[in-house]
Amino acid sequence: MGVITAVILAGLGLYAAAMAVGRLPTDFALFLLLCTAVSGVYYVAELAVFEARRRERAKRELAEFDRRNGEAGAVVPDAVARERRALEEHLSARPWWVEYTAGFFPVIVAVFLLRSFLFEPFRIPSGSMIPTLRIGDLILVNKYQYGIRMPVWDRTIIPVGHPQRGDVIVFRFPLDPSQDFIKRVVGLPGDVVDYRDHVLRINGKVVPEAPMAPFFDASRLQTYRQYEETLGTVRHRVIWGGGDGIAAYPVPRHNDPGACVYSTDTDGGVRCTVPPDHYFVMGDNRDNSEDSRFWGFVPDRNLVGHAVFIWMNFGDVKRIGRFH
């Protein structure tokens, strides 16, 4: 049992370490699936075959021990009893190759189910979502809110829901699915999104915003204008610097350039019609975010989940909690 306990603690420790540094490697899902399958086979074999064989062997050898030590047991019963217990423990113990296969199964399957269907950890690597999320925030992403997806293949098997305006989502970057991005959903399928001069319009209506106190970014020693924006039912903060802001333009690998019209004026605006089963996303740090204004739209199949909770920031523990 000591080895099993050590294995479980080691597995939990590795997963906690992975959470501390952020998202695990993109091929970790496949690695975890293979480990679950292999350890599961040995776990079933242990219950159905290996354990019964050890019991039968222990029964035979203990019977032989009793036959050989019957007379000694009458003379030095305590010594014989200790030797018998030691032999019984040895015969009942799992071999190392079972401990390190079947013994891993409980923790591996727990991590696999947790990560695949419930919550997955991420680390915020950039300032594109300031002030909502800051560099170093460790967040949890709800994996089931947008549908139960097949691990590794990332295909929805049980539809549950869809992103709504204002949701903060994690997704596989359409131009490089090995990278994970985090942005806020601004436009839903069929929406016409227009952004110019820091004014956001959806289907011709200006998105409400109310001025707030300026935001000071200590990491850059810079002060930004700050507003409370209302997207659907979600109120959240956005910031931008002085002047007209950055001009939107299509990058060479825009995934649907025909759906967007870019302004040639100094306002640097863009107007996009969101395709079916796609989403238009933006960062809350509007002048420092590489988002749908530049590379296009997020396909539904690229969704990873809904970011819902900051579980740690080692530089500022007061940030722990839910966010919008």
Protein backbone atom coordinates (compact mmCIF):
# COMPACT_ATOMS: atom_id res chain seq x y z
CA MET A 1 0.00 0.00 0.00
CA GLY A 2 2.93 2.36 0.57
CA VAL A 3 3.89 2.32 -3.08
CA ILE A 4 0.29 2.94 -4.18
CA THR A 5 0.01 5.88 -1.82
CA ALA A 6 3.29 7.27 -3.11
CA VAL A 7 2.12 6.89 -6.70
CA ILE A 8 -1.15 8.69 -6.00
CA LEU A 9 0.61 11.52 -4.18
CA ALA A 10 3.17 11.81 -6.97
CA GLY A 11 0.43 11.97 -9.58
CA LEU A 12 -1.46 14.64 -7.69
CA GLY A 13 1.77 16.54 -7.21
CA LEU A 14 2.55 16.46 -10.93
CA TYR A 15 -0.93 17.66 -11.79
CA ALA A 16 -0.69 20.46 -9.22
CA ALA A 17 2.66 21.48 -10.69
CA ALA A 18 1.12 21.53 -14.16
CA MET A 19 -1.66 23.76 -12.87
CA ALA A 20 0.91 26.07 -11.32
CA VAL A 21 2.69 26.67 -14.61
CA GLY A 22 -0.45 26.76 -16.70
CA ARG A 23 -1.81 24.64 -19.49
CA LEU A 24 -0.18 21.30 -20.07
CA PRO A 25 1.37 20.52 -23.46
CA THR A 26 -1.14 20.18 -26.27
CA ASP A 27 -0.31 16.48 -26.73
CA PHE A 28 -0.87 15.80 -23.04
CA ALA A 29 -4.48 14.78 -23.71
CA LEU A 30 -3.32 11.95 -25.97
CA PHE A 31 -0.58 10.95 -23.52
CA LEU A 32 -3.07 10.90 -20.67
CA LEU A 33 -5.55 8.84 -22.70
CA LEU A 34 -2.88 6.24 -23.50
CA CYS A 35 -1.77 6.08 -19.86
CA THR A 36 -5.37 5.65 -18.75
CA ALA A 37 -5.94 2.83 -21.26
CA VAL A 38 -2.73 0.94 -20.41
CA SER A 39 -3.08 1.29 -16.65
CA GLY A 40 -6.76 0.37 -16.93
CA VAL A 41 -5.94 -2.90 -18.69
CA TYR A 42 -3.50 -3.84 -15.94
CA TYR A 43 -5.98 -2.71 -13.27
CA VAL A 44 -8.69 -5.03 -14.65
CA ALA A 45 -6.17 -7.85 -15.06
CA GLU A 46 -5.10 -7.34 -11.44
CA LEU A 47 -8.68 -7.66 -10.18
CA ALA A 48 -9.61 -10.55 -12.46
CA VAL A 49 -6.40 -12.59 -12.67
CA PHE A 50 -3.24 -11.49 -10.88
CA GLU A 51 -4.72 -11.04 -7.39
CA ALA A 52 -6.42 -14.48 -7.49
CA ARG A 53 -3.16 -16.11 -8.56
CA ARG A 54 -1.28 -14.47 -5.67
CA ARG A 55 -3.90 -15.65 -3.19
CA GLU A 56 -3.73 -19.21 -4.50
CA ARG A 57 0.07 -19.19 -4.38
CA ALA A 58 0.04 -17.71 -0.87
CA LYS A 59 -2.41 -20.37 0.26
CA ARG A 60 -0.16 -23.18 -1.02
CA GLU A 61 3.08 -21.79 0.36
CA LEU A 62 1.60 -20.92 3.75
CA ALA A 63 0.22 -24.45 4.01
CA GLU A 64 3.70 -25.79 3.22
CA PHE A 65 5.19 -23.41 5.81
CA ASP A 66 2.77 -24.68 8.47
CA ARG A 67 3.61 -28.29 7.62
CA ARG A 68 7.35 -27.67 7.85
CA ASN A 69 7.20 -25.61 11.05
CA GLY A 70 4.57 -27.46 13.04
CA GLU A 71 7.01 -28.70 15.68
CA ALA A 72 8.92 -25.39 15.86
CA GLY A 73 5.66 -23.57 16.38
CA ALA A 74 5.09 -25.50 19.56
CA VAL A 75 8.55 -24.56 20.88
CA VAL A 76 8.96 -20.92 19.76
CA PRO A 77 5.46 -19.86 18.68
CA ASP A 78 6.18 -16.11 18.60
CA ALA A 79 9.18 -16.43 16.27
CA VAL A 80 7.31 -18.77 13.93
CA ALA A 81 4.28 -16.46 13.92
CA ARG A 82 6.45 -13.46 12.97
CA GLU A 83 8.10 -15.41 10.17
CA ARG A 84 4.71 -16.56 8.91
CA ARG A 85 3.35 -13.01 8.85
CA ALA A 86 6.40 -11.80 6.94
CA LEU A 87 5.99 -14.60 4.40
CA GLU A 88 2.28 -13.83 4.03
CA GLU A 89 2.98 -10.13 3.41
CA HIS A 90 5.63 -11.00 0.85
CA LEU A 91 3.37 -13.40 -1.00
CA SER A 92 0.43 -10.97 -0.96
CA ALA A 93 2.39 -7.94 -2.15
CA ARG A 94 1.91 -6.73 -5.70
CA PRO A 95 4.98 -7.04 -7.93
CA TRP A 96 6.57 -3.73 -8.93
CA TRP A 97 5.26 -3.88 -12.49
CA VAL A 98 1.69 -4.13 -11.19
CA GLU A 99 2.23 -1.31 -8.71
CA TYR A 100 3.49 0.99 -11.45
CA THR A 101 0.68 0.14 -13.89
CA ALA A 102 -2.50 -0.83 -12.08
CA GLY A 103 -1.39 1.24 -9.09
CA PHE A 104 -1.39 4.38 -11.22
CA PHE A 105 -4.89 3.81 -12.58
CA PRO A 106 -7.01 5.51 -9.85
CA VAL A 107 -5.13 8.80 -10.01
CA ILE A 108 -4.71 8.73 -13.79
CA VAL A 109 -8.38 8.13 -14.46
CA ALA A 110 -9.33 10.83 -11.94
CA VAL A 111 -7.05 13.38 -13.62
CA PHE A 112 -8.24 12.27 -17.07
CA LEU A 113 -11.92 12.73 -16.21
CA LEU A 114 -11.33 16.01 -14.37
CA ARG A 115 -9.27 17.53 -17.16
CA SER A 116 -11.32 16.19 -20.05
CA PHE A 117 -14.86 16.86 -18.86
CA LEU A 118 -14.87 19.23 -15.89
CA PHE A 119 -12.09 21.79 -15.44
CA GLU A 120 -8.69 22.47 -16.93
CA PRO A 121 -6.00 24.84 -15.61
CA PHE A 122 -4.48 27.65 -17.63
CA ARG A 123 -1.96 30.39 -16.96
CA ILE A 124 -2.45 33.88 -18.42
CA PRO A 125 0.73 34.57 -20.43
CA SER A 126 0.01 38.05 -21.82
CA GLY A 127 -1.72 41.32 -21.03
CA SER A 128 -4.37 41.17 -23.76
CA MET A 129 -7.17 40.63 -21.22
CA ILE A 130 -6.11 43.36 -18.77
CA PRO A 131 -7.82 44.59 -16.60
CA THR A 132 -10.02 41.48 -16.27
CA LEU A 133 -7.13 39.01 -16.30
CA ARG A 134 -3.50 39.81 -15.66
CA ILE A 135 -0.21 38.15 -16.46
CA GLY A 136 0.38 35.34 -13.97
CA ASP A 137 -3.28 34.67 -13.15
CA LEU A 138 -3.90 30.93 -12.84
CA ILE A 139 -7.43 30.21 -13.98
CA LEU A 140 -9.83 27.31 -14.26
CA VAL A 141 -11.76 26.70 -17.46
CA ASN A 142 -15.17 25.04 -17.40
CA LYS A 143 -14.95 22.24 -19.99
CA TYR A 144 -18.61 21.14 -20.06
CA GLN A 145 -20.54 24.41 -20.36
CA TYR A 146 -20.27 24.45 -24.17
CA GLY A 147 -20.86 20.71 -24.60
CA ILE A 148 -19.25 17.43 -23.61
CA ARG A 149 -16.40 16.85 -26.05
CA MET A 150 -14.49 13.73 -26.96
CA PRO A 151 -10.97 14.00 -25.51
CA VAL A 152 -8.13 14.24 -28.02
CA TRP A 153 -10.51 14.43 -31.01
CA ASP A 154 -12.32 17.50 -29.58
CA ARG A 155 -15.67 16.66 -31.13
CA THR A 156 -18.91 17.45 -29.29
CA ILE A 157 -20.70 14.27 -28.24
CA ILE A 158 -23.34 15.83 -25.96
CA PRO A 159 -24.50 19.37 -26.86
CA VAL A 160 -25.02 21.46 -23.75
CA GLY A 161 -24.73 25.14 -24.63
CA HIS A 162 -22.95 27.78 -26.68
CA PRO A 163 -20.88 30.86 -25.85
CA GLN A 164 -22.81 34.05 -25.20
CA ARG A 165 -21.76 37.66 -25.69
CA GLY A 166 -19.48 38.65 -22.87
CA ASP A 167 -18.16 35.15 -22.10
CA VAL A 168 -14.40 34.84 -21.62
CA ILE A 169 -13.38 31.76 -23.59
CA VAL A 170 -10.27 29.68 -24.13
CA PHE A 171 -9.87 28.32 -27.64
CA ARG A 172 -7.32 26.77 -29.95
CA PHE A 173 -5.93 29.55 -32.13
CA PRO A 174 -7.44 28.99 -35.61
CA LEU A 175 -4.17 29.77 -37.40
CA ASP A 176 -2.13 27.47 -35.13
CA PRO A 177 -4.26 24.99 -33.11
CA SER A 178 -1.25 24.03 -31.00
CA GLN A 179 -1.62 27.40 -29.23
CA ASP A 180 -4.37 28.30 -26.79
CA PHE A 181 -5.77 31.84 -26.73
CA ILE A 182 -8.11 33.54 -24.30
CA LYS A 183 -10.44 36.37 -25.35
CA ARG A 184 -13.96 37.70 -24.78
CA VAL A 185 -16.84 36.78 -27.07
CA VAL A 186 -18.15 39.92 -28.79
CA GLY A 187 -20.00 38.62 -31.84
CA LEU A 188 -22.18 35.52 -32.24
CA PRO A 189 -22.88 33.68 -35.51
CA GLY A 190 -24.69 36.02 -37.89
CA ASP A 191 -23.81 39.22 -35.99
CA VAL A 192 -22.39 42.24 -37.76
CA VAL A 193 -19.59 43.62 -35.60
CA ASP A 194 -18.24 47.11 -36.23
CA TYR A 195 -15.32 48.58 -34.29
CA ARG A 196 -13.77 51.98 -34.99
CA ASP A 197 -12.58 54.92 -32.88
CA HIS A 198 -12.93 52.73 -29.76
CA VAL A 199 -16.68 52.44 -30.39
CA LEU A 200 -18.10 48.91 -30.63
CA ARG A 201 -21.33 48.30 -32.52
CA ILE A 202 -23.18 45.01 -32.84
CA ASN A 203 -25.87 44.79 -35.50
CA GLY A 204 -25.84 48.57 -35.82
CA LYS A 205 -26.33 49.26 -32.09
CA VAL A 206 -23.63 50.87 -29.98
CA VAL A 207 -22.55 48.65 -27.10
CA PRO A 208 -23.14 50.60 -23.86
CA GLU A 209 -20.12 51.79 -21.94
CA ALA A 210 -19.66 53.99 -18.89
CA PRO A 211 -16.44 55.82 -17.95
CA MET A 212 -14.50 54.65 -14.90
CA ALA A 213 -11.42 55.84 -13.07
CA PRO A 214 -8.20 55.46 -15.13
CA PHE A 215 -6.43 52.12 -14.88
CA PHE A 216 -2.75 52.07 -13.95
CA ASP A 217 -0.75 49.13 -15.24
CA ALA A 218 2.14 48.75 -12.80
CA SER A 219 3.94 46.29 -15.08
CA ARG A 220 4.22 48.94 -17.82
CA LEU A 221 4.05 52.03 -15.62
CA GLN A 222 1.29 53.29 -17.89
CA THR A 223 -2.16 54.73 -17.30
CA TYR A 224 -5.09 53.77 -19.54
CA ARG A 225 -8.58 55.05 -20.02
CA GLN A 226 -11.03 52.63 -18.49
CA TYR A 227 -14.71 51.96 -19.21
CA GLU A 228 -17.38 49.54 -18.07
CA GLU A 229 -18.78 47.82 -21.12
CA THR A 230 -22.03 45.84 -21.23
CA LEU A 231 -22.12 42.88 -23.60
CA GLY A 232 -25.44 41.09 -23.32
CA THR A 233 -25.93 40.59 -19.59
CA VAL A 234 -22.21 40.82 -18.76
CA ARG A 235 -20.66 44.00 -17.41
CA HIS A 236 -16.91 44.08 -17.60
CA ARG A 237 -14.03 46.53 -17.83
CA VAL A 238 -12.09 47.50 -20.95
CA ILE A 239 -9.09 49.78 -21.32
CA TRP A 240 -7.31 51.63 -24.09
CA GLY A 241 -4.52 54.12 -24.39
CA GLY A 242 -4.69 57.69 -25.56
CA GLY A 243 -5.22 58.76 -29.16
CA ASP A 244 -7.10 56.85 -31.83
CA GLY A 245 -5.81 53.44 -30.82
CA ILE A 246 -4.40 50.74 -33.05
CA ALA A 247 -5.67 50.35 -36.59
CA ALA A 248 -7.28 47.03 -37.49
CA TYR A 249 -5.84 45.24 -40.50
CA PRO A 250 -5.99 41.67 -41.84
CA VAL A 251 -2.94 39.50 -41.28
CA PRO A 252 -1.82 37.35 -44.24
CA ARG A 253 -3.43 34.23 -42.76
CA HIS A 254 -6.85 35.70 -41.92
CA ASN A 255 -9.24 32.73 -41.89
CA ASP A 256 -12.14 34.51 -43.65
CA PRO A 257 -11.03 37.83 -45.17
CA GLY A 258 -14.15 38.06 -47.30
CA ALA A 259 -16.31 38.45 -44.18
CA CYS A 260 -14.57 41.67 -43.09
CA VAL A 261 -14.23 45.15 -44.51
CA TYR A 262 -11.31 47.23 -43.30
CA SER A 263 -11.42 51.02 -43.28
CA THR A 264 -8.86 52.96 -45.25
CA ASP A 265 -9.43 56.04 -43.10
CA THR A 266 -7.37 57.06 -40.11
CA ASP A 267 -9.93 55.51 -37.72
CA GLY A 268 -8.53 52.07 -38.54
CA GLY A 269 -11.96 50.47 -38.22
CA VAL A 270 -13.22 47.05 -39.22
CA ARG A 271 -16.68 45.68 -39.97
CA CYS A 272 -17.21 41.90 -39.97
CA THR A 273 -20.15 39.57 -40.50
CA VAL A 274 -19.66 36.54 -38.26
CA PRO A 275 -20.00 33.25 -40.21
CA PRO A 276 -22.21 30.37 -38.98
CA ASP A 277 -20.69 28.32 -36.15
CA HIS A 278 -18.01 30.98 -35.56
CA TYR A 279 -17.42 33.73 -32.99
CA PHE A 280 -15.85 37.18 -33.07
CA VAL A 281 -13.58 37.71 -30.05
CA MET A 282 -11.63 40.63 -28.63
CA GLY A 283 -9.30 41.28 -25.73
CA ASP A 284 -10.35 43.69 -22.97
CA ASN A 285 -7.05 45.51 -23.46
CA ARG A 286 -8.33 46.87 -26.75
CA ASP A 287 -5.11 48.50 -27.96
CA ASN A 288 -2.92 45.53 -27.02
CA SER A 289 -4.75 42.44 -28.22
CA GLU A 290 -4.25 40.23 -31.26
CA ASP A 291 -7.82 39.12 -31.87
CA SER A 292 -10.61 38.71 -34.45
CA ARG A 293 -9.97 42.20 -35.80
CA PHE A 294 -6.77 40.85 -37.32
CA TRP A 295 -6.93 37.09 -37.94
CA GLY A 296 -10.63 36.29 -38.18
CA PHE A 297 -13.08 34.11 -36.30
CA VAL A 298 -13.10 31.28 -33.77
CA PRO A 299 -14.77 28.10 -35.09
CA ASP A 300 -17.05 26.31 -32.66
CA ARG A 301 -14.90 23.18 -32.98
CA ASN A 302 -11.91 25.14 -31.59
CA LEU A 303 -13.59 25.95 -28.28
CA VAL A 304 -11.87 24.64 -25.17
CA GLY A 305 -14.14 26.09 -22.51
CA HIS A 306 -15.47 29.01 -20.48
CA ALA A 307 -12.91 30.73 -18.21
CA VAL A 308 -14.64 31.24 -14.87
CA PHE A 309 -12.30 31.41 -11.88
CA ILE A 310 -8.88 32.69 -10.80
CA TRP A 311 -7.59 30.06 -8.40
CA MET A 312 -4.19 31.66 -7.74
CA ASN A 313 -1.87 34.51 -8.55
CA PHE A 314 1.36 34.14 -6.64
CA GLY A 315 2.07 37.84 -6.98
CA ASP A 316 -1.35 38.96 -5.69
CA VAL A 317 -3.47 36.41 -3.81
CA LYS A 318 -6.30 38.95 -3.52
CA ARG A 319 -7.11 38.21 -7.15
CA ILE A 320 -8.45 34.76 -6.30
CA GLY A 321 -12.13 34.44 -7.18
CA ARG A 322 -14.67 34.58 -9.99
CA PHE A 323 -14.50 37.16 -12.74
CA HIS A 324 -16.67 38.45 -15.59
